[in-house]
């Protein structure tokens, strides 16, 4: 008598296909995504004078930076936890929070660190070994995290507002900017009123970090902004205005659209 034949059936085939796809994602070898091979950045990153970034936003880099694998990125990001926190919120106000930040922005910053277009000895050592795909996966992981801190991980954010007189200054700059000086409203690019991708959201960013970056843009120490928007704007702001804006963001006062009415 013949033994019965074992068959897996349609359901088994479907489950097997799902398992193969999931396994390929974990390995960083996606089967169901559009196959586009972006030109990788040169391994030696030869310096180009006057160029703010070696990232060229084209179809390949846009797709690469926006289609990272957050599952794989979570494993890679374990090396980021010491400074940037377990869930993307740092315990130090001088270190940026990465939770909920646009993936394309994070990807570009990692490429700029690798090429030396954005200066940081620590970040250049960390970003250096990452491939463009690694960077996309890390960016996808942080982008999917909620942009509200969990108290159990002792985040620095939000910080106490040291000077309440800063509120009116910051509200004016966030809501209307200063047309006389050609300064656009902060929330038009950095949210929540509007976003210019890949500009980062600042609604849950640390005070010390925002202030340090505004000061670096103002004096040209940071110059990886393509077309110079941040260098131009930050240089027009008074030191007291840069501090007021940083304090406002750091105190978690910019999570919703800001309106301004002169007194």
Foldseek 3Di string as FASTA:
>chain_A
DDDDDDDCPPVSVVVVVVVVQVVCLLVVNHDPDDDDDDDWDDLQLPDDPPALAPDDDDPRLVCLQQDARQNNLLVLCVVVCVAQNNLQFGLDLQGKRQAQWQSSVQLRVLRCLCNVSFDDPVSVVSSVVDTSNNSSNNSVNRNPGDLDDDPVRNGCFQDDQPDPVLVQLQLCQQAANDVVLPRGHPCCDQDDVHHDPNDTNLLTIRLNNQLVVLVCLCVVVRRNDPPSPSNSNSVSDDSSSSNSNSSCSSNNNGPHRGDHDDD
